[in-house]
Amino acid sequence: MKNNSKRLALVIGLACVAAPQLLLDARQQGQGQTPSSFPLSHSLRERGSSVTPAFEGWYKTKDGGQALLIGYFNRNSKQEFDIPVGPNNRIEPGGPDMGQPTHFTPGRGWGVFSIKLPKDFGEKKLTWTIVSNGLSNTITLHTKSDYILEPFEDPANKNAPPALRFEANGPQFLGPPIGVAATYTANVGEPLTLTTWATDEPPKLNAGGTFGPAAGGRGGTGAPPVPALKWSMFRGPGTVKLDPFNPKVDREKGGENSTKATFSAPGEYILRLQANDSTGEGGGGFQCCWTNAHVRVTVKGAATQ
């Protein structure tokens, strides 16, 4: 009887120790925090999984306003989606169209668009819902203080995003995408040459925490960093072939690079150009330092003789 009592006490003690961890696990798996960038219910696969909206956070714009920075995670490695704005791709209230993508490439898209907020937004909230492969995912978009970002400068080493220009001596675009950076026209089936200039500067603080140009970067020790570029489709009524989708930057020509875009159908397209520095995709998860920019292409029917 005495041994049984000891066993019972031991079982109860173990249960008491395990209970907080079990409760913590249950909270982590079932609390449904908002925003939730990676729902646990949909795994990564080649096809048949979902697209999840991803709330990166919010930031202060150069003009003193506020903007939300938003991306997505397509959990399919080989399935792309075209989801028109509407019941299956909507932002509420005030939408359904607030500039979100309608084309979703596989994998994680970091900070692919921004929503500039009105001055009276305050503690209001928006939601973005995407329905794909019969699976619905919704996230909440807000301006809570613990979601504020600094996408224009890393506070630790004073690193800044790469600069993109769409004319040799044109304006620079840095950080999250706001509006349309450039406009073009093209014909169906005829390659459109897209030439841009991409440059970057090393962090202002070196590894020792003192001011001065930091050595290193993709170009080698002491050389200015060379951004890595990636073109992708953001919106459009057809398909786009980008050749190459990751053009190489020519440092000797001021960062000049080019790709050719060929469109399958007439209509309005938006393409996204992303420039990463050595921090990689999404600034290594800290949203600095990389640049996204949108360009609009009006595609006409095939040219006739």
Protein backbone atom coordinates (compact mmCIF):
# COMPACT_ATOMS: atom_id res chain seq x y z
CA MET A 1 0.00 0.00 0.00
CA LYS A 2 2.88 2.28 0.90
CA ASN A 3 4.59 1.66 -2.47
CA ASN A 4 1.33 2.32 -4.33
CA SER A 5 1.00 5.65 -2.53
CA LYS A 6 4.51 6.60 -3.57
CA ARG A 7 3.77 5.67 -7.17
CA LEU A 8 0.57 7.72 -7.12
CA ALA A 9 2.42 10.71 -5.66
CA LEU A 10 5.11 10.39 -8.32
CA VAL A 11 2.54 10.26 -11.13
CA ILE A 12 0.73 13.32 -9.74
CA GLY A 13 4.03 15.17 -9.38
CA LEU A 14 5.07 14.43 -12.94
CA ALA A 15 1.66 15.54 -14.19
CA CYS A 16 1.99 18.82 -12.31
CA VAL A 17 5.44 19.42 -13.81
CA ALA A 18 4.29 18.52 -17.31
CA ALA A 19 1.02 20.44 -17.19
CA PRO A 20 2.50 23.94 -17.70
CA GLN A 21 4.48 22.72 -20.70
CA LEU A 22 1.43 20.95 -22.10
CA LEU A 23 -0.58 24.12 -21.57
CA LEU A 24 2.13 26.17 -23.26
CA ASP A 25 2.21 23.77 -26.21
CA ALA A 26 -1.57 23.94 -26.49
CA ARG A 27 -1.47 27.72 -26.45
CA GLN A 28 1.24 27.83 -29.11
CA GLN A 29 -0.65 25.47 -31.40
CA GLY A 30 -4.19 26.66 -30.86
CA GLN A 31 -4.24 30.28 -29.84
CA GLY A 32 -4.56 31.61 -33.41
CA GLN A 33 -2.43 34.70 -32.91
CA THR A 34 -2.94 37.50 -35.37
CA PRO A 35 -1.11 37.96 -37.56
CA SER A 36 -0.17 34.34 -38.20
CA SER A 37 2.18 33.99 -41.14
CA PHE A 38 2.42 30.20 -41.16
CA PRO A 39 -0.74 28.26 -40.21
CA LEU A 40 0.26 24.89 -38.80
CA SER A 41 -2.57 23.09 -40.56
CA HIS A 42 -1.19 23.38 -44.12
CA SER A 43 2.16 21.78 -44.88
CA LEU A 44 4.60 22.55 -47.68
CA ARG A 45 4.12 20.34 -50.73
CA GLU A 46 4.46 20.47 -54.51
CA ARG A 47 0.73 21.13 -55.09
CA GLY A 48 -2.54 21.25 -53.22
CA SER A 49 -1.58 23.41 -50.27
CA SER A 50 -2.55 26.99 -49.45
CA VAL A 51 -1.32 30.55 -49.83
CA THR A 52 -1.02 32.38 -46.52
CA PRO A 53 -0.97 36.17 -46.15
CA ALA A 54 1.97 37.38 -44.07
CA PHE A 55 1.91 40.61 -42.07
CA GLU A 56 5.47 41.89 -41.84
CA GLY A 57 4.57 44.91 -39.71
CA TRP A 58 4.10 48.65 -40.18
CA TYR A 59 6.53 51.51 -40.70
CA LYS A 60 6.73 55.28 -40.87
CA THR A 61 6.90 56.63 -44.39
CA LYS A 62 9.30 59.33 -45.56
CA ASP A 63 6.52 61.94 -45.52
CA GLY A 64 5.65 61.26 -41.89
CA GLY A 65 2.72 58.93 -42.53
CA GLN A 66 2.27 55.25 -41.79
CA ALA A 67 2.11 52.19 -44.01
CA LEU A 68 1.53 48.47 -43.58
CA LEU A 69 4.07 46.08 -45.10
CA ILE A 70 2.63 42.77 -46.26
CA GLY A 71 3.85 39.61 -47.96
CA TYR A 72 2.68 36.05 -48.43
CA PHE A 73 3.76 32.42 -48.24
CA ASN A 74 2.77 30.11 -51.09
CA ARG A 75 3.17 26.68 -49.51
CA ASN A 76 3.42 24.95 -52.89
CA SER A 77 6.84 24.42 -54.41
CA LYS A 78 5.55 23.94 -57.97
CA GLN A 79 2.08 25.52 -58.04
CA GLU A 80 1.56 29.20 -58.85
CA PHE A 81 -1.78 30.94 -58.41
CA ASP A 82 -3.69 33.68 -60.16
CA ILE A 83 -6.38 34.84 -57.73
CA PRO A 84 -8.30 37.92 -58.90
CA VAL A 85 -9.31 40.58 -56.41
CA GLY A 86 -12.71 39.55 -55.06
CA PRO A 87 -14.17 36.96 -52.70
CA ASN A 88 -11.01 34.82 -52.78
CA ASN A 89 -8.53 37.70 -52.51
CA ARG A 90 -9.92 40.55 -50.47
CA ILE A 91 -8.86 43.20 -47.97
CA GLU A 92 -11.55 44.50 -45.64
CA PRO A 93 -12.94 46.96 -44.75
CA GLY A 94 -12.58 49.43 -47.58
CA GLY A 95 -11.45 46.91 -50.21
CA PRO A 96 -11.55 44.39 -51.62
CA ASP A 97 -8.74 45.95 -53.71
CA MET A 98 -5.92 47.67 -51.80
CA GLY A 99 -3.09 46.90 -54.17
CA GLN A 100 -2.44 43.31 -53.13
CA PRO A 101 -0.93 40.82 -55.58
CA THR A 102 -3.12 38.61 -57.73
CA HIS A 103 -0.26 36.35 -58.87
CA PHE A 104 1.47 34.22 -56.25
CA THR A 105 4.78 32.54 -57.01
CA PRO A 106 5.97 29.56 -54.95
CA GLY A 107 7.61 30.19 -51.60
CA ARG A 108 7.84 33.24 -49.39
CA GLY A 109 7.26 36.68 -50.83
CA TRP A 110 8.69 39.23 -48.41
CA GLY A 111 7.06 42.65 -48.17
CA VAL A 112 5.64 42.54 -51.68
CA PHE A 113 3.30 45.49 -51.19
CA SER A 114 2.42 48.30 -48.82
CA ILE A 115 -0.84 49.95 -47.83
CA LYS A 116 -0.48 53.63 -47.01
CA LEU A 117 -2.80 54.45 -44.13
CA PRO A 118 -4.99 57.50 -43.60
CA LYS A 119 -4.00 59.81 -40.75
CA ASP A 120 -7.06 58.82 -38.71
CA PHE A 121 -6.38 55.05 -38.92
CA GLY A 122 -5.46 54.90 -35.23
CA GLU A 123 -6.25 51.52 -33.68
CA LYS A 124 -8.37 50.33 -36.59
CA LYS A 125 -7.63 47.01 -38.25
CA LEU A 126 -7.78 45.49 -41.71
CA THR A 127 -7.94 41.85 -42.73
CA TRP A 128 -6.55 40.12 -45.82
CA THR A 129 -8.15 36.85 -46.89
CA ILE A 130 -6.77 34.48 -49.52
CA VAL A 131 -8.62 31.34 -50.64
CA SER A 132 -6.53 28.84 -52.60
CA ASN A 133 -7.02 25.12 -53.25
CA GLY A 134 -10.20 25.38 -51.18
CA LEU A 135 -8.23 26.56 -48.12
CA SER A 136 -8.97 29.98 -46.61
CA ASN A 137 -6.43 32.01 -44.63
CA THR A 138 -7.00 35.42 -43.04
CA ILE A 139 -4.59 37.71 -41.20
CA THR A 140 -5.16 40.94 -39.30
CA LEU A 141 -3.27 44.10 -40.26
CA HIS A 142 -2.73 46.75 -37.59
CA THR A 143 -0.32 49.32 -36.12
CA LYS A 144 0.43 47.83 -32.71
CA SER A 145 3.70 49.12 -31.31
CA ASP A 146 5.41 45.72 -31.20
CA TYR A 147 5.03 45.36 -34.98
CA ILE A 148 6.85 48.56 -35.98
CA LEU A 149 9.62 48.15 -38.57
CA GLU A 150 12.64 50.18 -39.65
CA PRO A 151 13.00 49.14 -43.31
CA PHE A 152 15.07 52.17 -44.35
CA GLU A 153 17.99 51.66 -41.98
CA ASP A 154 19.18 48.87 -39.74
CA PRO A 155 19.60 50.48 -36.31
CA ALA A 156 22.41 48.08 -35.38
CA ASN A 157 24.90 48.78 -38.17
CA LYS A 158 23.24 51.67 -40.03
CA ASN A 159 22.84 49.57 -43.17
CA ALA A 160 20.48 50.95 -45.84
CA PRO A 161 18.57 49.15 -48.62
CA PRO A 162 19.91 48.92 -52.18
CA ALA A 163 18.86 51.72 -54.52
CA LEU A 164 16.91 51.02 -57.72
CA ARG A 165 16.63 53.43 -60.63
CA PHE A 166 14.60 52.96 -63.80
CA GLU A 167 16.37 55.70 -65.71
CA ALA A 168 20.14 56.25 -65.78
CA ASN A 169 19.82 59.52 -63.88
CA GLY A 170 16.32 59.02 -62.55
CA PRO A 171 15.00 59.03 -58.98
CA GLN A 172 16.05 56.31 -56.56
CA PHE A 173 13.68 53.83 -54.94
CA LEU A 174 14.66 52.29 -51.62
CA GLY A 175 12.88 49.99 -49.19
CA PRO A 176 9.23 48.89 -49.35
CA PRO A 177 7.18 49.47 -52.51
CA ILE A 178 4.89 52.49 -52.60
CA GLY A 179 3.06 53.31 -55.83
CA VAL A 180 4.45 52.61 -59.30
CA ALA A 181 8.11 53.31 -60.01
CA ALA A 182 7.94 53.23 -63.83
CA THR A 183 5.52 52.60 -66.70
CA TYR A 184 6.07 50.83 -70.02
CA THR A 185 4.17 49.67 -73.08
CA ALA A 186 4.63 46.40 -74.96
CA ASN A 187 3.02 44.13 -77.54
CA VAL A 188 1.90 40.55 -76.99
CA GLY A 189 4.66 38.08 -77.83
CA GLU A 190 7.33 40.75 -78.37
CA PRO A 191 10.10 40.93 -75.74
CA LEU A 192 10.21 44.18 -73.77
CA THR A 193 13.68 45.12 -72.53
CA LEU A 194 13.61 46.31 -68.93
CA THR A 195 16.81 48.14 -68.00
CA THR A 196 17.44 49.28 -64.43
CA TRP A 197 20.36 50.47 -62.32
CA ALA A 198 20.97 48.87 -58.91
CA THR A 199 23.56 50.09 -56.43
CA ASP A 200 24.27 49.56 -52.76
CA GLU A 201 26.47 50.93 -50.02
CA PRO A 202 28.05 48.99 -47.15
CA PRO A 203 26.81 49.49 -43.58
CA LYS A 204 27.97 52.75 -41.99
CA LEU A 205 29.11 50.95 -38.84
CA ASN A 206 31.82 48.31 -39.08
CA ALA A 207 32.06 45.15 -37.04
CA GLY A 208 33.72 47.03 -34.18
CA GLY A 209 30.77 49.38 -33.83
CA THR A 210 32.64 52.43 -35.11
CA PHE A 211 31.71 54.62 -38.03
CA GLY A 212 33.43 54.00 -41.33
CA PRO A 213 32.88 51.95 -44.48
CA ALA A 214 32.46 48.28 -43.65
CA ALA A 215 34.51 45.94 -45.78
CA GLY A 216 33.09 43.04 -47.71
CA GLY A 217 30.01 42.44 -49.79
CA ARG A 218 29.28 40.37 -52.85
CA GLY A 219 31.95 42.23 -54.79
CA GLY A 220 34.80 41.15 -52.48
CA THR A 221 36.63 42.72 -49.56
CA GLY A 222 36.50 46.49 -49.68
CA ALA A 223 34.42 46.61 -52.86
CA PRO A 224 30.93 48.16 -52.92
CA PRO A 225 28.25 45.50 -52.42
CA VAL A 226 26.49 44.21 -55.52
CA PRO A 227 22.73 43.71 -55.07
CA ALA A 228 21.06 40.48 -56.13
CA LEU A 229 18.01 41.16 -58.32
CA LYS A 230 14.85 39.19 -58.93
CA TRP A 231 11.94 40.02 -61.24
CA SER A 232 8.50 38.44 -60.76
CA MET A 233 4.91 38.94 -61.85
CA PHE A 234 2.67 40.76 -59.39
CA ARG A 235 -0.57 41.22 -61.35
CA GLY A 236 -1.77 40.59 -64.87
CA PRO A 237 -4.31 38.89 -67.14
CA GLY A 238 -1.81 36.47 -68.68
CA THR A 239 1.64 35.03 -68.11
CA VAL A 240 5.03 36.71 -68.28
CA LYS A 241 8.33 35.16 -69.33
CA LEU A 242 11.27 36.95 -67.70
CA ASP A 243 14.64 36.17 -69.28
CA PRO A 244 16.57 36.24 -67.09
CA PHE A 245 14.44 36.74 -63.98
CA ASN A 246 17.65 37.44 -62.00
CA PRO A 247 19.78 39.77 -64.15
CA LYS A 248 23.39 40.40 -63.20
CA VAL A 249 24.45 43.87 -62.11
CA ASP A 250 27.35 45.51 -63.96
CA ARG A 251 29.18 47.58 -61.34
CA GLU A 252 31.40 49.15 -63.98
CA LYS A 253 28.32 50.64 -65.66
CA GLY A 254 26.81 52.13 -62.52
CA GLY A 255 24.82 49.04 -61.63
CA GLU A 256 23.19 48.65 -65.04
CA ASN A 257 21.32 45.43 -65.73
CA SER A 258 18.54 44.26 -68.03
CA THR A 259 16.01 41.52 -68.62
CA LYS A 260 13.41 40.81 -71.30
CA ALA A 261 9.73 40.42 -70.46
CA THR A 262 7.41 38.67 -72.92
CA PHE A 263 3.65 38.76 -72.28
CA SER A 264 1.08 36.17 -73.37
CA ALA A 265 -2.05 38.35 -73.43
CA PRO A 266 -3.01 42.03 -73.70
CA GLY A 267 -3.93 44.06 -70.64
CA GLU A 268 -2.45 45.81 -67.62
CA TYR A 269 0.41 44.09 -65.80
CA ILE A 270 2.40 44.94 -62.70
CA LEU A 271 5.85 43.44 -62.28
CA ARG A 272 7.90 43.47 -59.09
CA LEU A 273 11.66 43.98 -58.94
CA GLN A 274 13.38 43.00 -55.71
CA ALA A 275 16.93 43.96 -54.80
CA ASN A 276 18.66 42.17 -51.91
CA ASP A 277 21.92 43.10 -50.26
CA SER A 278 24.02 40.63 -48.29
CA THR A 279 21.29 40.27 -45.64
CA GLY A 280 19.33 38.14 -48.12
CA GLU A 281 15.61 37.51 -48.53
CA GLY A 282 13.48 39.77 -46.36
CA GLY A 283 16.58 41.29 -44.79
CA GLY A 284 17.17 37.98 -43.04
CA GLY A 285 13.71 38.29 -41.51
CA PHE A 286 14.27 41.78 -40.07
CA GLN A 287 12.82 43.66 -43.08
CA CYS A 288 16.03 45.60 -43.63
CA CYS A 289 17.76 45.90 -45.91
CA TRP A 290 16.21 45.16 -49.26
CA THR A 291 14.15 47.05 -51.85
CA ASN A 292 10.96 46.17 -53.72
CA ALA A 293 9.58 48.28 -56.57
CA HIS A 294 6.57 47.89 -58.87
CA VAL A 295 6.38 48.79 -62.55
CA ARG A 296 3.28 48.91 -64.75
CA VAL A 297 3.26 47.52 -68.29
CA THR A 298 0.39 48.16 -70.69
CA VAL A 299 0.41 45.29 -73.17
CA LYS A 300 -1.34 45.69 -76.51
CA GLY A 301 -2.37 43.04 -78.97
CA ALA A 302 0.22 41.53 -81.29
CA ALA A 303 1.55 44.08 -83.78
CA THR A 304 0.25 43.69 -87.35
CA GLN A 305 2.10 44.37 -90.58
